[in-house]
Amino acid sequence: MTDADRILHPEPLTAEAFAPWGEVLDTGGEPDRLINEGRCGRWHDRARLDADRLGLSLFRSAPVRLPHAFNLVERHPLGSQAFVPMTEHPFLVIVAPDENGVPGRPRAFMTAPGQGINLARGAWHGVLTPLAEPGLFAVIDRCGEGTNLEEYRYDRGWTVAG
């Protein structure tokens, strides 16, 4: 594989393209129902949150600039992990298929403003990658006992193009 083959071009984040790794959280289309005397649209049950003990944490991550070089991906075998941005800024999502216990060729997605993601249990993914300050996210994931992090470093790095 040449260096040029190791450059990823971020795709728009869509539910169909992201389905192998989890769900896209957004308010596309009409709400499933109206609540609160008709003042609030509810997009109901949009993610499969999957763990024995879920908690909500807040993350603040330093932003990156494109092009962005990386070689580290990780997965969480004991539970899903949802990232809900607390700003309107898009962020980069890197995922990879599982190939016999190790990650394969990664893919990069660019969220639209207001989109979040829920990574399925065991999905290989890059680390949190905001593109603007303040990089603030609400994260819903497993907060129980036991090791829920597996990291993998590719032998050669990948680059997400700008």
N, C-alpha and C. Protein backbone atom coordinates (compact mmCIF):
# COMPACT_ATOMS: atom_id res chain seq x y z
N MET A 1 0.85 -1.18 0.00
CA MET A 1 0.00 0.00 0.00
C MET A 1 0.90 1.24 0.00
N THR A 2 0.61 2.15 -0.90
CA THR A 2 1.41 3.37 -1.01
C THR A 2 0.95 4.40 0.02
N ASP A 3 1.76 5.45 0.20
CA ASP A 3 1.37 6.52 1.11
C ASP A 3 0.06 7.16 0.67
N ALA A 4 -0.15 7.29 -0.62
CA ALA A 4 -1.39 7.89 -1.13
C ALA A 4 -2.60 7.05 -0.75
N ASP A 5 -2.42 5.73 -0.66
CA ASP A 5 -3.52 4.84 -0.27
C ASP A 5 -3.88 4.98 1.20
N ARG A 6 -3.04 5.65 1.98
CA ARG A 6 -3.27 5.80 3.41
C ARG A 6 -3.89 7.16 3.75
N ILE A 7 -4.37 7.86 2.73
CA ILE A 7 -5.04 9.14 2.94
C ILE A 7 -6.54 8.90 2.86
N LEU A 8 -7.24 9.30 3.90
CA LEU A 8 -8.69 9.16 3.96
C LEU A 8 -9.34 10.50 3.65
N HIS A 9 -10.42 10.47 2.93
CA HIS A 9 -11.19 11.67 2.63
C HIS A 9 -12.50 11.58 3.40
N PRO A 10 -12.74 12.52 4.32
CA PRO A 10 -13.93 12.40 5.15
C PRO A 10 -15.21 12.45 4.32
N GLU A 11 -16.11 11.53 4.65
CA GLU A 11 -17.42 11.44 4.03
C GLU A 11 -18.43 12.16 4.93
N PRO A 12 -19.53 12.64 4.35
CA PRO A 12 -20.59 13.15 5.22
C PRO A 12 -21.13 12.01 6.09
N LEU A 13 -21.46 12.30 7.31
CA LEU A 13 -21.99 11.30 8.23
C LEU A 13 -23.46 11.06 7.92
N THR A 14 -23.79 9.85 7.47
CA THR A 14 -25.18 9.46 7.23
C THR A 14 -25.48 8.19 8.01
N ALA A 15 -26.74 7.99 8.33
CA ALA A 15 -27.15 6.79 9.08
C ALA A 15 -26.78 5.52 8.32
N GLU A 16 -26.97 5.52 7.01
CA GLU A 16 -26.70 4.32 6.21
C GLU A 16 -25.20 3.99 6.20
N ALA A 17 -24.36 4.98 5.95
CA ALA A 17 -22.92 4.73 5.87
C ALA A 17 -22.33 4.34 7.23
N PHE A 18 -22.89 4.90 8.31
CA PHE A 18 -22.34 4.67 9.65
C PHE A 18 -22.93 3.42 10.32
N ALA A 19 -23.96 2.82 9.74
CA ALA A 19 -24.69 1.70 10.37
C ALA A 19 -23.81 0.55 10.87
N PRO A 20 -22.72 0.15 10.19
CA PRO A 20 -21.92 -0.95 10.72
C PRO A 20 -21.28 -0.65 12.09
N TRP A 21 -21.18 0.63 12.46
CA TRP A 21 -20.51 1.01 13.71
C TRP A 21 -21.45 1.56 14.77
N GLY A 22 -22.71 1.81 14.44
CA GLY A 22 -23.64 2.35 15.42
C GLY A 22 -24.69 3.23 14.77
N GLU A 23 -25.15 4.22 15.53
CA GLU A 23 -26.23 5.08 15.07
C GLU A 23 -25.78 6.53 15.02
N VAL A 24 -26.38 7.27 14.07
CA VAL A 24 -26.21 8.72 13.99
C VAL A 24 -27.32 9.35 14.82
N LEU A 25 -26.96 10.29 15.64
CA LEU A 25 -27.92 11.00 16.48
C LEU A 25 -28.16 12.37 15.85
N ASP A 26 -29.36 12.59 15.33
CA ASP A 26 -29.69 13.89 14.78
C ASP A 26 -31.19 14.07 14.75
N THR A 27 -31.62 15.22 14.32
CA THR A 27 -33.03 15.55 14.30
C THR A 27 -33.52 15.68 12.86
N GLY A 28 -33.02 14.83 11.98
CA GLY A 28 -33.47 14.86 10.60
C GLY A 28 -34.92 14.40 10.49
N GLY A 29 -35.64 14.96 9.55
CA GLY A 29 -37.03 14.59 9.37
C GLY A 29 -37.92 15.15 10.47
N GLU A 30 -39.16 14.74 10.43
CA GLU A 30 -40.12 15.19 11.44
C GLU A 30 -39.94 14.40 12.73
N PRO A 31 -40.24 15.02 13.88
CA PRO A 31 -40.16 14.27 15.14
C PRO A 31 -41.17 13.14 15.16
N ASP A 32 -40.88 12.12 15.96
CA ASP A 32 -41.78 10.98 16.10
C ASP A 32 -43.08 11.36 16.80
N ARG A 33 -42.97 12.34 17.69
CA ARG A 33 -44.17 12.80 18.41
C ARG A 33 -43.91 14.18 18.98
N LEU A 34 -45.00 14.86 19.29
CA LEU A 34 -44.92 16.14 19.97
C LEU A 34 -45.30 15.94 21.42
N ILE A 35 -44.57 16.59 22.32
CA ILE A 35 -44.82 16.48 23.76
C ILE A 35 -44.83 17.89 24.36
N ASN A 36 -45.04 17.97 25.65
CA ASN A 36 -45.01 19.25 26.36
C ASN A 36 -45.98 20.26 25.74
N GLU A 37 -47.23 19.85 25.65
CA GLU A 37 -48.29 20.69 25.10
C GLU A 37 -48.00 21.11 23.66
N GLY A 38 -47.33 20.24 22.91
CA GLY A 38 -47.07 20.49 21.51
C GLY A 38 -45.89 21.41 21.21
N ARG A 39 -45.15 21.81 22.24
CA ARG A 39 -44.03 22.72 22.05
C ARG A 39 -42.71 22.02 21.81
N CYS A 40 -42.67 20.71 21.98
CA CYS A 40 -41.39 19.99 21.92
C CYS A 40 -41.52 18.76 21.02
N GLY A 41 -40.65 18.71 19.99
CA GLY A 41 -40.59 17.52 19.15
C GLY A 41 -39.67 16.50 19.79
N ARG A 42 -40.11 15.24 19.78
CA ARG A 42 -39.31 14.15 20.35
C ARG A 42 -38.95 13.17 19.24
N TRP A 43 -37.64 13.03 18.98
CA TRP A 43 -37.13 11.99 18.10
C TRP A 43 -36.81 10.83 19.03
N HIS A 44 -37.68 9.86 19.08
CA HIS A 44 -37.70 8.83 20.12
C HIS A 44 -36.77 7.65 19.83
N ASP A 45 -36.08 7.21 20.88
CA ASP A 45 -35.31 5.96 20.89
C ASP A 45 -34.35 5.86 19.71
N ARG A 46 -33.44 6.82 19.58
CA ARG A 46 -32.55 6.92 18.44
C ARG A 46 -31.26 6.12 18.54
N ALA A 47 -30.96 5.54 19.70
CA ALA A 47 -29.70 4.81 19.84
C ALA A 47 -29.88 3.60 20.74
N ARG A 48 -29.13 2.56 20.42
CA ARG A 48 -29.11 1.37 21.25
C ARG A 48 -27.98 1.53 22.27
N LEU A 49 -28.32 2.04 23.44
CA LEU A 49 -27.33 2.19 24.50
C LEU A 49 -27.18 0.82 25.15
N ASP A 50 -25.97 0.30 25.21
CA ASP A 50 -25.75 -1.10 25.50
C ASP A 50 -24.63 -1.28 26.52
N ALA A 51 -25.01 -1.41 27.79
CA ALA A 51 -24.01 -1.66 28.85
C ALA A 51 -24.75 -2.06 30.11
N ASP A 52 -24.02 -2.67 31.05
CA ASP A 52 -24.65 -3.07 32.31
C ASP A 52 -24.87 -1.88 33.25
N ARG A 53 -24.06 -0.84 33.15
CA ARG A 53 -24.24 0.37 33.95
C ARG A 53 -23.85 1.57 33.12
N LEU A 54 -24.83 2.34 32.72
CA LEU A 54 -24.57 3.52 31.92
C LEU A 54 -24.41 4.74 32.80
N GLY A 55 -23.53 5.63 32.40
CA GLY A 55 -23.35 6.90 33.08
C GLY A 55 -23.20 8.00 32.06
N LEU A 56 -23.35 9.23 32.51
CA LEU A 56 -23.17 10.38 31.64
C LEU A 56 -21.96 11.15 32.15
N SER A 57 -21.00 11.36 31.27
CA SER A 57 -19.79 12.11 31.59
C SER A 57 -19.68 13.28 30.64
N LEU A 58 -18.89 14.27 31.00
CA LEU A 58 -18.61 15.40 30.12
C LEU A 58 -17.15 15.34 29.73
N PHE A 59 -16.87 15.51 28.44
CA PHE A 59 -15.50 15.47 27.92
C PHE A 59 -15.20 16.83 27.30
N ARG A 60 -13.98 17.31 27.50
CA ARG A 60 -13.47 18.47 26.77
C ARG A 60 -12.16 18.03 26.12
N SER A 61 -12.12 18.09 24.81
CA SER A 61 -10.96 17.63 24.06
C SER A 61 -10.39 18.77 23.22
N ALA A 62 -9.07 18.83 23.16
CA ALA A 62 -8.41 19.81 22.30
C ALA A 62 -8.74 19.50 20.86
N PRO A 63 -8.99 20.52 20.04
CA PRO A 63 -9.31 20.28 18.64
C PRO A 63 -8.08 19.92 17.82
N VAL A 64 -8.33 19.31 16.67
CA VAL A 64 -7.27 19.00 15.71
C VAL A 64 -7.53 19.82 14.45
N ARG A 65 -6.51 19.90 13.62
CA ARG A 65 -6.64 20.55 12.32
C ARG A 65 -6.47 19.49 11.23
N LEU A 66 -7.13 19.72 10.13
CA LEU A 66 -6.96 18.85 8.97
C LEU A 66 -5.87 19.44 8.08
N PRO A 67 -5.01 18.64 7.50
CA PRO A 67 -5.01 17.19 7.58
C PRO A 67 -4.61 16.69 8.97
N HIS A 68 -5.19 15.55 9.35
CA HIS A 68 -5.00 14.98 10.68
C HIS A 68 -4.39 13.59 10.55
N ALA A 69 -3.20 13.41 11.13
CA ALA A 69 -2.52 12.11 11.10
C ALA A 69 -2.83 11.34 12.37
N PHE A 70 -3.04 10.03 12.22
CA PHE A 70 -3.32 9.18 13.39
C PHE A 70 -2.86 7.75 13.12
N ASN A 71 -2.63 7.01 14.20
CA ASN A 71 -2.39 5.58 14.07
C ASN A 71 -3.10 4.79 15.17
N LEU A 72 -3.74 5.47 16.12
CA LEU A 72 -4.41 4.81 17.25
C LEU A 72 -5.91 4.73 17.03
N VAL A 73 -6.45 3.53 17.22
CA VAL A 73 -7.89 3.33 17.31
C VAL A 73 -8.14 2.50 18.57
N GLU A 74 -9.40 2.49 18.98
CA GLU A 74 -9.76 1.77 20.21
C GLU A 74 -11.15 1.20 20.07
N ARG A 75 -11.52 0.32 21.01
CA ARG A 75 -12.89 -0.17 21.08
C ARG A 75 -13.21 -0.48 22.54
N HIS A 76 -14.50 -0.60 22.79
CA HIS A 76 -15.00 -0.83 24.14
C HIS A 76 -15.86 -2.09 24.13
N PRO A 77 -15.29 -3.23 24.56
CA PRO A 77 -16.00 -4.51 24.45
C PRO A 77 -17.17 -4.68 25.41
N LEU A 78 -17.27 -3.83 26.42
CA LEU A 78 -18.32 -4.02 27.44
C LEU A 78 -19.47 -3.04 27.32
N GLY A 79 -19.46 -2.19 26.30
CA GLY A 79 -20.58 -1.27 26.18
C GLY A 79 -20.45 -0.28 25.03
N SER A 80 -21.58 0.27 24.67
CA SER A 80 -21.64 1.30 23.62
C SER A 80 -21.10 2.62 24.17
N GLN A 81 -20.93 3.58 23.29
CA GLN A 81 -20.41 4.90 23.69
C GLN A 81 -21.03 5.96 22.79
N ALA A 82 -21.85 6.84 23.38
CA ALA A 82 -22.52 7.90 22.62
C ALA A 82 -21.82 9.23 22.87
N PHE A 83 -21.62 9.98 21.79
CA PHE A 83 -21.01 11.30 21.86
C PHE A 83 -22.03 12.32 21.37
N VAL A 84 -22.42 13.22 22.24
CA VAL A 84 -23.39 14.26 21.93
C VAL A 84 -22.67 15.60 22.08
N PRO A 85 -22.38 16.28 20.95
CA PRO A 85 -21.66 17.55 21.06
C PRO A 85 -22.49 18.59 21.79
N MET A 86 -21.83 19.41 22.58
CA MET A 86 -22.51 20.47 23.33
C MET A 86 -22.31 21.82 22.64
N THR A 87 -21.92 21.78 21.36
CA THR A 87 -21.81 22.97 20.51
C THR A 87 -22.35 22.59 19.14
N GLU A 88 -22.43 23.55 18.25
CA GLU A 88 -22.88 23.30 16.88
C GLU A 88 -21.74 22.95 15.93
N HIS A 89 -20.51 22.86 16.44
CA HIS A 89 -19.36 22.61 15.57
C HIS A 89 -19.33 21.16 15.12
N PRO A 90 -19.02 20.92 13.83
CA PRO A 90 -18.83 19.54 13.38
C PRO A 90 -17.57 18.92 13.99
N PHE A 91 -17.52 17.60 13.99
CA PHE A 91 -16.33 16.89 14.46
C PHE A 91 -16.07 15.71 13.54
N LEU A 92 -14.86 15.19 13.63
CA LEU A 92 -14.41 14.09 12.79
C LEU A 92 -14.67 12.77 13.52
N VAL A 93 -15.18 11.78 12.79
CA VAL A 93 -15.42 10.45 13.34
C VAL A 93 -14.63 9.46 12.50
N ILE A 94 -13.74 8.71 13.14
CA ILE A 94 -12.93 7.69 12.46
C ILE A 94 -13.37 6.34 12.99
N VAL A 95 -13.66 5.42 12.08
CA VAL A 95 -14.06 4.06 12.46
C VAL A 95 -13.33 3.07 11.56
N ALA A 96 -13.33 1.81 11.97
CA ALA A 96 -12.69 0.76 11.16
C ALA A 96 -13.45 -0.54 11.37
N PRO A 97 -13.55 -1.36 10.32
CA PRO A 97 -14.19 -2.66 10.48
C PRO A 97 -13.29 -3.60 11.28
N ASP A 98 -13.90 -4.54 11.96
CA ASP A 98 -13.14 -5.57 12.66
C ASP A 98 -12.77 -6.66 11.65
N GLU A 99 -11.49 -7.00 11.61
CA GLU A 99 -11.01 -8.06 10.73
C GLU A 99 -10.27 -9.08 11.58
N ASN A 100 -11.01 -10.07 12.06
CA ASN A 100 -10.45 -11.14 12.90
C ASN A 100 -9.78 -10.60 14.15
N GLY A 101 -10.45 -9.65 14.81
CA GLY A 101 -9.97 -9.14 16.09
C GLY A 101 -9.08 -7.92 16.02
N VAL A 102 -8.75 -7.47 14.82
CA VAL A 102 -7.97 -6.24 14.66
C VAL A 102 -8.70 -5.32 13.69
N PRO A 103 -8.44 -4.01 13.79
CA PRO A 103 -9.13 -3.10 12.88
C PRO A 103 -8.57 -3.18 11.46
N GLY A 104 -9.47 -3.05 10.49
CA GLY A 104 -9.09 -3.00 9.09
C GLY A 104 -8.88 -1.57 8.65
N ARG A 105 -9.06 -1.33 7.35
CA ARG A 105 -8.88 0.01 6.78
C ARG A 105 -9.89 0.96 7.39
N PRO A 106 -9.43 2.06 7.97
CA PRO A 106 -10.35 3.01 8.59
C PRO A 106 -11.13 3.82 7.56
N ARG A 107 -12.24 4.38 8.04
CA ARG A 107 -13.03 5.35 7.28
C ARG A 107 -13.19 6.58 8.14
N ALA A 108 -13.33 7.72 7.50
CA ALA A 108 -13.51 8.99 8.22
C ALA A 108 -14.84 9.61 7.80
N PHE A 109 -15.56 10.12 8.80
CA PHE A 109 -16.83 10.81 8.57
C PHE A 109 -16.74 12.20 9.18
N MET A 110 -17.41 13.14 8.55
CA MET A 110 -17.52 14.50 9.07
C MET A 110 -18.97 14.70 9.48
N THR A 111 -19.18 15.06 10.74
CA THR A 111 -20.54 15.31 11.18
C THR A 111 -21.03 16.64 10.63
N ALA A 112 -22.32 16.78 10.55
CA ALA A 112 -22.94 18.06 10.28
C ALA A 112 -23.17 18.74 11.64
N PRO A 113 -23.30 20.05 11.67
CA PRO A 113 -23.58 20.70 12.95
C PRO A 113 -24.80 20.09 13.63
N GLY A 114 -24.65 19.78 14.91
CA GLY A 114 -25.75 19.22 15.68
C GLY A 114 -25.84 17.71 15.67
N GLN A 115 -25.06 17.01 14.85
CA GLN A 115 -25.10 15.56 14.83
C GLN A 115 -24.23 14.98 15.94
N GLY A 116 -24.66 13.88 16.50
CA GLY A 116 -23.86 13.09 17.43
C GLY A 116 -23.81 11.66 16.91
N ILE A 117 -23.12 10.80 17.66
CA ILE A 117 -23.02 9.39 17.27
C ILE A 117 -23.16 8.51 18.50
N ASN A 118 -23.59 7.27 18.25
CA ASN A 118 -23.52 6.22 19.26
C ASN A 118 -22.74 5.08 18.65
N LEU A 119 -21.56 4.80 19.21
CA LEU A 119 -20.73 3.71 18.74
C LEU A 119 -21.20 2.41 19.39
N ALA A 120 -21.42 1.40 18.60
CA ALA A 120 -21.85 0.11 19.12
C ALA A 120 -20.76 -0.54 19.97
N ARG A 121 -21.17 -1.38 20.86
CA ARG A 121 -20.23 -2.18 21.66
C ARG A 121 -19.24 -2.87 20.73
N GLY A 122 -17.96 -2.71 21.00
CA GLY A 122 -16.92 -3.40 20.24
C GLY A 122 -16.53 -2.76 18.92
N ALA A 123 -17.10 -1.61 18.56
CA ALA A 123 -16.76 -0.97 17.29
C ALA A 123 -15.40 -0.29 17.39
N TRP A 124 -14.51 -0.57 16.45
CA TRP A 124 -13.22 0.11 16.40
C TRP A 124 -13.45 1.55 15.98
N HIS A 125 -12.81 2.49 16.68
CA HIS A 125 -12.99 3.91 16.37
C HIS A 125 -11.77 4.71 16.80
N GLY A 126 -11.61 5.87 16.15
CA GLY A 126 -10.55 6.79 16.55
C GLY A 126 -10.95 7.50 17.83
N VAL A 127 -10.01 8.20 18.41
CA VAL A 127 -10.28 8.95 19.63
C VAL A 127 -11.11 10.19 19.28
N LEU A 128 -11.69 10.80 20.28
CA LEU A 128 -12.53 11.98 20.09
C LEU A 128 -11.75 13.05 19.34
N THR A 129 -12.34 13.57 18.24
CA THR A 129 -11.61 14.44 17.34
C THR A 129 -12.43 15.67 16.96
N PRO A 130 -12.59 16.61 17.90
CA PRO A 130 -13.27 17.86 17.53
C PRO A 130 -12.38 18.69 16.62
N LEU A 131 -13.01 19.57 15.85
CA LEU A 131 -12.28 20.42 14.91
C LEU A 131 -12.28 21.88 15.34
N ALA A 132 -12.95 22.21 16.45
CA ALA A 132 -13.03 23.59 16.93
C ALA A 132 -13.14 23.59 18.45
N GLU A 133 -12.73 24.69 19.04
CA GLU A 133 -12.91 24.89 20.48
C GLU A 133 -14.40 25.06 20.77
N PRO A 134 -14.94 24.66 21.88
CA PRO A 134 -14.23 24.15 23.04
C PRO A 134 -14.11 22.63 23.08
N GLY A 135 -14.58 21.90 22.07
CA GLY A 135 -14.47 20.44 22.06
C GLY A 135 -15.22 19.79 23.20
N LEU A 136 -16.42 20.28 23.50
CA LEU A 136 -17.18 19.84 24.67
C LEU A 136 -18.28 18.87 24.25
N PHE A 137 -18.33 17.71 24.92
CA PHE A 137 -19.28 16.65 24.59
C PHE A 137 -19.88 16.05 25.85
N ALA A 138 -21.15 15.68 25.76
CA ALA A 138 -21.76 14.79 26.74
C ALA A 138 -21.55 13.38 26.20
N VAL A 139 -21.07 12.48 27.06
CA VAL A 139 -20.76 11.12 26.65
C VAL A 139 -21.54 10.17 27.54
N ILE A 140 -22.30 9.28 26.91
CA ILE A 140 -23.07 8.28 27.63
C ILE A 140 -22.43 6.95 27.32
N ASP A 141 -21.83 6.34 28.36
CA ASP A 141 -21.16 5.06 28.14
C ASP A 141 -21.12 4.27 29.43
N ARG A 142 -20.48 3.12 29.36
CA ARG A 142 -20.39 2.21 30.50
C ARG A 142 -19.47 2.81 31.55
N CYS A 143 -19.95 2.81 32.79
CA CYS A 143 -19.17 3.33 33.90
C CYS A 143 -18.99 2.27 34.99
N GLY A 144 -19.09 1.00 34.63
CA GLY A 144 -18.97 -0.08 35.59
C GLY A 144 -17.54 -0.55 35.78
N GLU A 145 -17.39 -1.56 36.61
CA GLU A 145 -16.08 -2.16 36.89
C GLU A 145 -15.61 -2.98 35.70
N GLY A 146 -14.31 -3.21 35.63
CA GLY A 146 -13.74 -4.05 34.59
C GLY A 146 -13.11 -3.24 33.48
N THR A 147 -12.28 -3.89 32.69
CA THR A 147 -11.55 -3.24 31.62
C THR A 147 -12.45 -3.14 30.38
N ASN A 148 -12.71 -1.92 29.96
CA ASN A 148 -13.58 -1.68 28.82
C ASN A 148 -12.87 -0.88 27.73
N LEU A 149 -11.58 -1.05 27.62
CA LEU A 149 -10.81 -0.33 26.61
C LEU A 149 -9.78 -1.26 26.00
N GLU A 150 -9.81 -1.36 24.68
CA GLU A 150 -8.79 -2.09 23.94
C GLU A 150 -8.25 -1.14 22.88
N GLU A 151 -6.94 -0.91 22.88
CA GLU A 151 -6.31 -0.01 21.93
C GLU A 151 -5.52 -0.79 20.89
N TYR A 152 -5.43 -0.20 19.71
CA TYR A 152 -4.64 -0.79 18.62
C TYR A 152 -3.92 0.34 17.90
N ARG A 153 -2.64 0.14 17.63
CA ARG A 153 -1.86 1.10 16.86
C ARG A 153 -1.47 0.45 15.53
N TYR A 154 -1.87 1.13 14.46
CA TYR A 154 -1.48 0.65 13.12
C TYR A 154 0.04 0.77 12.99
N ASP A 155 0.65 -0.16 12.24
CA ASP A 155 2.09 -0.11 12.02
C ASP A 155 2.50 1.14 11.26
N ARG A 156 1.65 1.60 10.37
CA ARG A 156 1.88 2.83 9.61
C ARG A 156 0.69 3.75 9.84
N GLY A 157 0.97 5.04 9.91
CA GLY A 157 -0.09 6.00 10.17
C GLY A 157 -1.02 6.22 8.99
N TRP A 158 -2.16 6.82 9.30
CA TRP A 158 -3.16 7.23 8.32
C TRP A 158 -3.31 8.75 8.42
N THR A 159 -3.78 9.36 7.35
CA THR A 159 -4.03 10.79 7.35
C THR A 159 -5.43 11.05 6.83
N VAL A 160 -6.16 11.91 7.54
CA VAL A 160 -7.45 12.39 7.06
C VAL A 160 -7.19 13.72 6.38
N ALA A 161 -7.51 13.79 5.10
CA ALA A 161 -7.24 14.98 4.30
C ALA A 161 -8.13 16.15 4.72
N GLY A 162 -7.67 17.35 4.42
CA GLY A 162 -8.43 18.55 4.73
C GLY A 162 -9.45 18.89 3.67
